[in-house]
Amino acid sequence: MSFQKLLSIKEEFEKFGWEVSDLDGSNIFEEMLEISSDGNIHWKISRKNVEKKLLFFLSDSLGNRTTNLSDVFWVSCDDDDRIKLFFDAKMNNDWQKEVKKFVCSFDKFG
């Protein structure tokens, strides 16, 4: 399920004109799912002269760090942790609305 949710986040950013990649600049989705040495997934989004980094935090149901993609707990903007999207177990219309709201919150940056 997390794979689909990550893909929906990427696609929503692209709909709003953002370029999405991993920190090395790869926009190949499978490469963007690699877990870094700090146990998180990192993406870079850019549009016009604005570049932001996203942090996907992985944690199991007991709060322990994990390397399972299915354990993505939330994603946030690296320099503004008030912009955060929590992952829940459902993939429904409410999820899509939350993704859109999350992506739209980046409009204030440009």
N, C-alpha and C. Protein backbone atom coordinates (compact mmCIF):
# COMPACT_ATOMS: atom_id res chain seq x y z
N MET A 1 0.82 -1.20 0.00
CA MET A 1 0.00 0.00 0.00
C MET A 1 0.86 1.26 0.00
N SER A 2 1.96 1.26 0.73
CA SER A 2 2.80 2.45 0.78
C SER A 2 3.36 2.80 -0.59
N PHE A 3 3.66 1.75 -1.38
CA PHE A 3 4.15 2.00 -2.74
C PHE A 3 3.16 2.86 -3.50
N GLN A 4 1.88 2.48 -3.44
CA GLN A 4 0.84 3.24 -4.15
C GLN A 4 0.70 4.65 -3.58
N LYS A 5 0.82 4.78 -2.27
CA LYS A 5 0.70 6.09 -1.66
C LYS A 5 1.86 7.00 -2.05
N LEU A 6 3.06 6.44 -2.07
CA LEU A 6 4.22 7.23 -2.50
C LEU A 6 4.07 7.65 -3.96
N LEU A 7 3.59 6.74 -4.77
CA LEU A 7 3.36 7.06 -6.18
C LEU A 7 2.32 8.16 -6.31
N SER A 8 1.25 8.10 -5.51
CA SER A 8 0.20 9.13 -5.61
C SER A 8 0.74 10.49 -5.17
N ILE A 9 1.64 10.52 -4.19
CA ILE A 9 2.26 11.79 -3.77
C ILE A 9 3.12 12.35 -4.89
N LYS A 10 3.93 11.50 -5.50
CA LYS A 10 4.79 11.93 -6.61
C LYS A 10 3.93 12.49 -7.75
N GLU A 11 2.90 11.77 -8.12
CA GLU A 11 2.05 12.19 -9.24
C GLU A 11 1.33 13.50 -8.93
N GLU A 12 0.91 13.68 -7.69
CA GLU A 12 0.21 14.92 -7.32
C GLU A 12 1.17 16.12 -7.40
N PHE A 13 2.39 15.96 -6.94
CA PHE A 13 3.37 17.04 -7.07
C PHE A 13 3.59 17.38 -8.55
N GLU A 14 3.69 16.36 -9.38
CA GLU A 14 3.91 16.59 -10.81
C GLU A 14 2.72 17.31 -11.44
N LYS A 15 1.50 17.00 -11.01
CA LYS A 15 0.31 17.70 -11.52
C LYS A 15 0.40 19.20 -11.24
N PHE A 16 1.00 19.56 -10.12
CA PHE A 16 1.11 20.96 -9.73
C PHE A 16 2.42 21.60 -10.22
N GLY A 17 3.10 20.94 -11.15
CA GLY A 17 4.26 21.54 -11.80
C GLY A 17 5.58 21.35 -11.08
N TRP A 18 5.62 20.50 -10.07
CA TRP A 18 6.87 20.23 -9.36
C TRP A 18 7.61 19.09 -10.05
N GLU A 19 8.93 19.19 -10.10
CA GLU A 19 9.76 18.07 -10.52
C GLU A 19 10.14 17.31 -9.27
N VAL A 20 10.05 15.98 -9.32
CA VAL A 20 10.29 15.15 -8.15
C VAL A 20 11.43 14.19 -8.46
N SER A 21 12.37 14.09 -7.53
CA SER A 21 13.50 13.17 -7.71
C SER A 21 14.03 12.75 -6.34
N ASP A 22 14.98 11.81 -6.36
CA ASP A 22 15.66 11.52 -5.11
C ASP A 22 16.76 12.58 -4.94
N LEU A 23 17.52 12.52 -3.86
CA LEU A 23 18.52 13.56 -3.60
C LEU A 23 19.65 13.56 -4.62
N ASP A 24 19.84 12.42 -5.31
CA ASP A 24 20.88 12.34 -6.34
C ASP A 24 20.38 12.83 -7.70
N GLY A 25 19.10 13.18 -7.78
CA GLY A 25 18.55 13.71 -9.03
C GLY A 25 17.86 12.68 -9.89
N SER A 26 17.78 11.44 -9.44
CA SER A 26 17.11 10.41 -10.23
C SER A 26 15.60 10.57 -10.08
N ASN A 27 14.90 10.53 -11.21
CA ASN A 27 13.44 10.56 -11.15
C ASN A 27 12.84 9.21 -11.51
N ILE A 28 13.67 8.16 -11.45
CA ILE A 28 13.18 6.80 -11.65
C ILE A 28 12.54 6.37 -10.33
N PHE A 29 11.25 6.10 -10.37
CA PHE A 29 10.48 5.91 -9.14
C PHE A 29 11.08 4.82 -8.23
N GLU A 30 11.49 3.70 -8.80
CA GLU A 30 12.04 2.62 -7.98
C GLU A 30 13.29 3.08 -7.24
N GLU A 31 14.12 3.92 -7.87
CA GLU A 31 15.31 4.44 -7.20
C GLU A 31 14.94 5.44 -6.11
N MET A 32 13.81 6.10 -6.28
CA MET A 32 13.36 7.08 -5.30
C MET A 32 12.87 6.42 -4.02
N LEU A 33 12.69 5.11 -4.03
CA LEU A 33 12.18 4.39 -2.87
C LEU A 33 13.29 3.85 -1.97
N GLU A 34 14.55 4.09 -2.36
CA GLU A 34 15.67 3.57 -1.57
C GLU A 34 15.74 4.26 -0.22
N ILE A 35 15.95 3.47 0.80
CA ILE A 35 16.05 3.98 2.17
C ILE A 35 17.50 4.38 2.42
N SER A 36 17.70 5.60 2.89
CA SER A 36 19.05 6.12 3.09
C SER A 36 19.67 5.58 4.38
N SER A 37 20.90 5.94 4.61
CA SER A 37 21.63 5.45 5.78
C SER A 37 21.00 5.90 7.10
N ASP A 38 20.20 6.98 7.07
CA ASP A 38 19.55 7.43 8.30
C ASP A 38 18.20 6.74 8.52
N GLY A 39 17.86 5.79 7.65
CA GLY A 39 16.63 5.02 7.81
C GLY A 39 15.40 5.68 7.25
N ASN A 40 15.56 6.73 6.49
CA ASN A 40 14.44 7.46 5.90
C ASN A 40 14.53 7.44 4.38
N ILE A 41 13.48 7.88 3.74
CA ILE A 41 13.48 8.11 2.29
C ILE A 41 13.48 9.61 2.09
N HIS A 42 14.32 10.08 1.18
CA HIS A 42 14.43 11.51 0.92
C HIS A 42 14.14 11.80 -0.55
N TRP A 43 13.31 12.80 -0.78
CA TRP A 43 13.03 13.27 -2.13
C TRP A 43 13.34 14.75 -2.21
N LYS A 44 13.61 15.17 -3.43
CA LYS A 44 13.79 16.60 -3.71
C LYS A 44 12.66 17.00 -4.66
N ILE A 45 12.02 18.13 -4.35
CA ILE A 45 11.02 18.68 -5.26
C ILE A 45 11.50 20.07 -5.68
N SER A 46 11.27 20.41 -6.92
CA SER A 46 11.69 21.73 -7.38
C SER A 46 10.69 22.26 -8.40
N ARG A 47 10.54 23.58 -8.36
CA ARG A 47 9.66 24.28 -9.30
C ARG A 47 10.17 25.71 -9.37
N LYS A 48 10.38 26.19 -10.59
CA LYS A 48 10.93 27.52 -10.81
C LYS A 48 12.25 27.63 -10.05
N ASN A 49 12.40 28.59 -9.17
CA ASN A 49 13.65 28.76 -8.42
C ASN A 49 13.56 28.20 -7.01
N VAL A 50 12.60 27.35 -6.76
CA VAL A 50 12.37 26.82 -5.42
C VAL A 50 12.74 25.34 -5.39
N GLU A 51 13.49 24.97 -4.36
CA GLU A 51 13.83 23.57 -4.16
C GLU A 51 13.58 23.22 -2.70
N LYS A 52 12.86 22.14 -2.47
CA LYS A 52 12.56 21.67 -1.13
C LYS A 52 12.89 20.19 -1.04
N LYS A 53 13.11 19.74 0.17
CA LYS A 53 13.37 18.32 0.39
C LYS A 53 12.26 17.74 1.24
N LEU A 54 11.87 16.53 0.88
CA LEU A 54 10.86 15.80 1.64
C LEU A 54 11.52 14.67 2.39
N LEU A 55 11.06 14.45 3.61
CA LEU A 55 11.56 13.37 4.44
C LEU A 55 10.42 12.41 4.72
N PHE A 56 10.59 11.15 4.33
CA PHE A 56 9.62 10.11 4.61
C PHE A 56 10.16 9.30 5.79
N PHE A 57 9.46 9.35 6.90
CA PHE A 57 9.89 8.71 8.14
C PHE A 57 9.29 7.32 8.23
N LEU A 58 10.11 6.31 8.51
CA LEU A 58 9.64 4.93 8.61
C LEU A 58 9.67 4.49 10.07
N SER A 59 8.57 3.90 10.50
CA SER A 59 8.45 3.43 11.89
C SER A 59 7.42 2.31 11.92
N ASP A 60 7.70 1.26 12.71
CA ASP A 60 6.70 0.18 12.82
C ASP A 60 5.62 0.56 13.82
N SER A 61 4.67 -0.32 14.04
CA SER A 61 3.52 -0.02 14.90
C SER A 61 3.89 0.21 16.36
N LEU A 62 5.09 -0.21 16.75
CA LEU A 62 5.56 0.01 18.12
C LEU A 62 6.47 1.23 18.24
N GLY A 63 6.66 1.92 17.14
CA GLY A 63 7.50 3.12 17.15
C GLY A 63 8.97 2.87 16.90
N ASN A 64 9.32 1.63 16.57
CA ASN A 64 10.71 1.29 16.28
C ASN A 64 11.05 1.65 14.84
N ARG A 65 12.28 2.03 14.61
CA ARG A 65 12.72 2.31 13.24
C ARG A 65 12.73 1.02 12.44
N THR A 66 12.47 1.13 11.18
CA THR A 66 12.36 -0.04 10.31
C THR A 66 12.85 0.32 8.91
N THR A 67 13.08 -0.68 8.11
CA THR A 67 13.47 -0.44 6.72
C THR A 67 12.42 -1.01 5.76
N ASN A 68 11.25 -1.31 6.28
CA ASN A 68 10.16 -1.82 5.43
C ASN A 68 9.40 -0.66 4.82
N LEU A 69 9.30 -0.66 3.52
CA LEU A 69 8.58 0.39 2.82
C LEU A 69 7.14 0.51 3.31
N SER A 70 6.56 -0.60 3.73
CA SER A 70 5.17 -0.57 4.22
C SER A 70 5.03 0.18 5.54
N ASP A 71 6.15 0.55 6.15
CA ASP A 71 6.12 1.24 7.44
C ASP A 71 6.36 2.74 7.33
N VAL A 72 6.13 3.32 6.15
CA VAL A 72 6.23 4.77 6.06
C VAL A 72 5.13 5.34 6.95
N PHE A 73 5.53 6.17 7.90
CA PHE A 73 4.59 6.70 8.90
C PHE A 73 4.10 8.10 8.54
N TRP A 74 5.03 8.95 8.06
CA TRP A 74 4.65 10.29 7.63
C TRP A 74 5.71 10.85 6.69
N VAL A 75 5.32 11.92 6.01
CA VAL A 75 6.24 12.67 5.17
C VAL A 75 6.12 14.13 5.57
N SER A 76 7.27 14.82 5.58
CA SER A 76 7.24 16.24 5.92
C SER A 76 8.26 16.99 5.08
N CYS A 77 8.11 18.31 5.06
CA CYS A 77 9.07 19.20 4.43
C CYS A 77 10.25 19.31 5.38
N ASP A 78 11.48 19.20 4.87
CA ASP A 78 12.64 19.17 5.75
C ASP A 78 12.86 20.45 6.55
N ASP A 79 12.43 21.59 6.02
CA ASP A 79 12.69 22.84 6.74
C ASP A 79 11.42 23.46 7.34
N ASP A 80 10.31 22.72 7.29
CA ASP A 80 9.07 23.20 7.89
C ASP A 80 8.25 21.97 8.30
N ASP A 81 8.51 21.47 9.50
CA ASP A 81 7.83 20.23 9.89
C ASP A 81 6.36 20.43 10.23
N ARG A 82 5.85 21.65 10.07
CA ARG A 82 4.41 21.86 10.20
C ARG A 82 3.68 21.35 8.97
N ILE A 83 4.42 21.18 7.87
CA ILE A 83 3.84 20.62 6.64
C ILE A 83 4.09 19.12 6.69
N LYS A 84 3.07 18.38 7.09
CA LYS A 84 3.25 16.95 7.32
C LYS A 84 2.01 16.20 6.85
N LEU A 85 2.24 15.03 6.30
CA LEU A 85 1.17 14.14 5.87
C LEU A 85 1.39 12.79 6.53
N PHE A 86 0.42 12.37 7.33
CA PHE A 86 0.50 11.07 7.99
C PHE A 86 -0.11 9.99 7.10
N PHE A 87 0.55 8.84 7.07
CA PHE A 87 0.05 7.70 6.32
C PHE A 87 -0.87 6.91 7.24
N ASP A 88 -2.04 6.53 6.72
CA ASP A 88 -2.90 5.62 7.46
C ASP A 88 -3.08 4.36 6.63
N ALA A 89 -3.87 3.47 7.13
CA ALA A 89 -4.01 2.16 6.47
C ALA A 89 -4.89 2.21 5.23
N LYS A 90 -5.63 3.27 5.04
CA LYS A 90 -6.60 3.30 3.95
C LYS A 90 -6.07 4.05 2.73
N MET A 91 -6.48 3.56 1.58
CA MET A 91 -6.20 4.23 0.31
C MET A 91 -7.55 4.55 -0.30
N ASN A 92 -8.09 5.73 0.02
CA ASN A 92 -9.44 6.07 -0.42
C ASN A 92 -9.50 7.54 -0.83
N ASN A 93 -10.70 8.04 -1.04
CA ASN A 93 -10.86 9.44 -1.45
C ASN A 93 -10.33 10.41 -0.41
N ASP A 94 -10.49 10.07 0.86
CA ASP A 94 -9.95 10.94 1.92
C ASP A 94 -8.44 11.05 1.81
N TRP A 95 -7.78 9.94 1.50
CA TRP A 95 -6.32 9.96 1.33
C TRP A 95 -5.95 10.89 0.19
N GLN A 96 -6.63 10.77 -0.93
CA GLN A 96 -6.33 11.62 -2.09
C GLN A 96 -6.54 13.09 -1.76
N LYS A 97 -7.57 13.41 -0.99
CA LYS A 97 -7.81 14.80 -0.57
C LYS A 97 -6.67 15.30 0.31
N GLU A 98 -6.21 14.44 1.21
CA GLU A 98 -5.11 14.83 2.10
C GLU A 98 -3.81 15.03 1.32
N VAL A 99 -3.58 14.19 0.32
CA VAL A 99 -2.39 14.35 -0.53
C VAL A 99 -2.44 15.68 -1.26
N LYS A 100 -3.58 15.99 -1.84
CA LYS A 100 -3.73 17.25 -2.56
C LYS A 100 -3.53 18.44 -1.62
N LYS A 101 -4.10 18.37 -0.44
CA LYS A 101 -3.94 19.44 0.55
C LYS A 101 -2.46 19.59 0.94
N PHE A 102 -1.78 18.47 1.13
CA PHE A 102 -0.34 18.48 1.46
C PHE A 102 0.46 19.15 0.35
N VAL A 103 0.22 18.74 -0.89
CA VAL A 103 0.95 19.29 -2.03
C VAL A 103 0.64 20.78 -2.20
N CYS A 104 -0.61 21.16 -2.05
CA CYS A 104 -0.99 22.57 -2.18
C CYS A 104 -0.33 23.44 -1.12
N SER A 105 0.00 22.86 0.03
CA SER A 105 0.65 23.65 1.07
C SER A 105 2.04 24.12 0.66
N PHE A 106 2.61 23.53 -0.39
CA PHE A 106 3.91 23.95 -0.90
C PHE A 106 3.80 25.15 -1.84
N ASP A 107 2.58 25.51 -2.24
CA ASP A 107 2.40 26.65 -3.14
C ASP A 107 2.93 27.94 -2.53
N LYS A 108 2.96 28.04 -1.23
CA LYS A 108 3.44 29.26 -0.59
C LYS A 108 4.94 29.50 -0.85
N PHE A 109 5.64 28.45 -1.27
CA PHE A 109 7.06 28.58 -1.55
C PHE A 109 7.34 29.04 -2.98
N GLY A 110 6.35 28.93 -3.83
CA GLY A 110 6.55 29.40 -5.20
C GLY A 110 6.07 28.48 -6.25
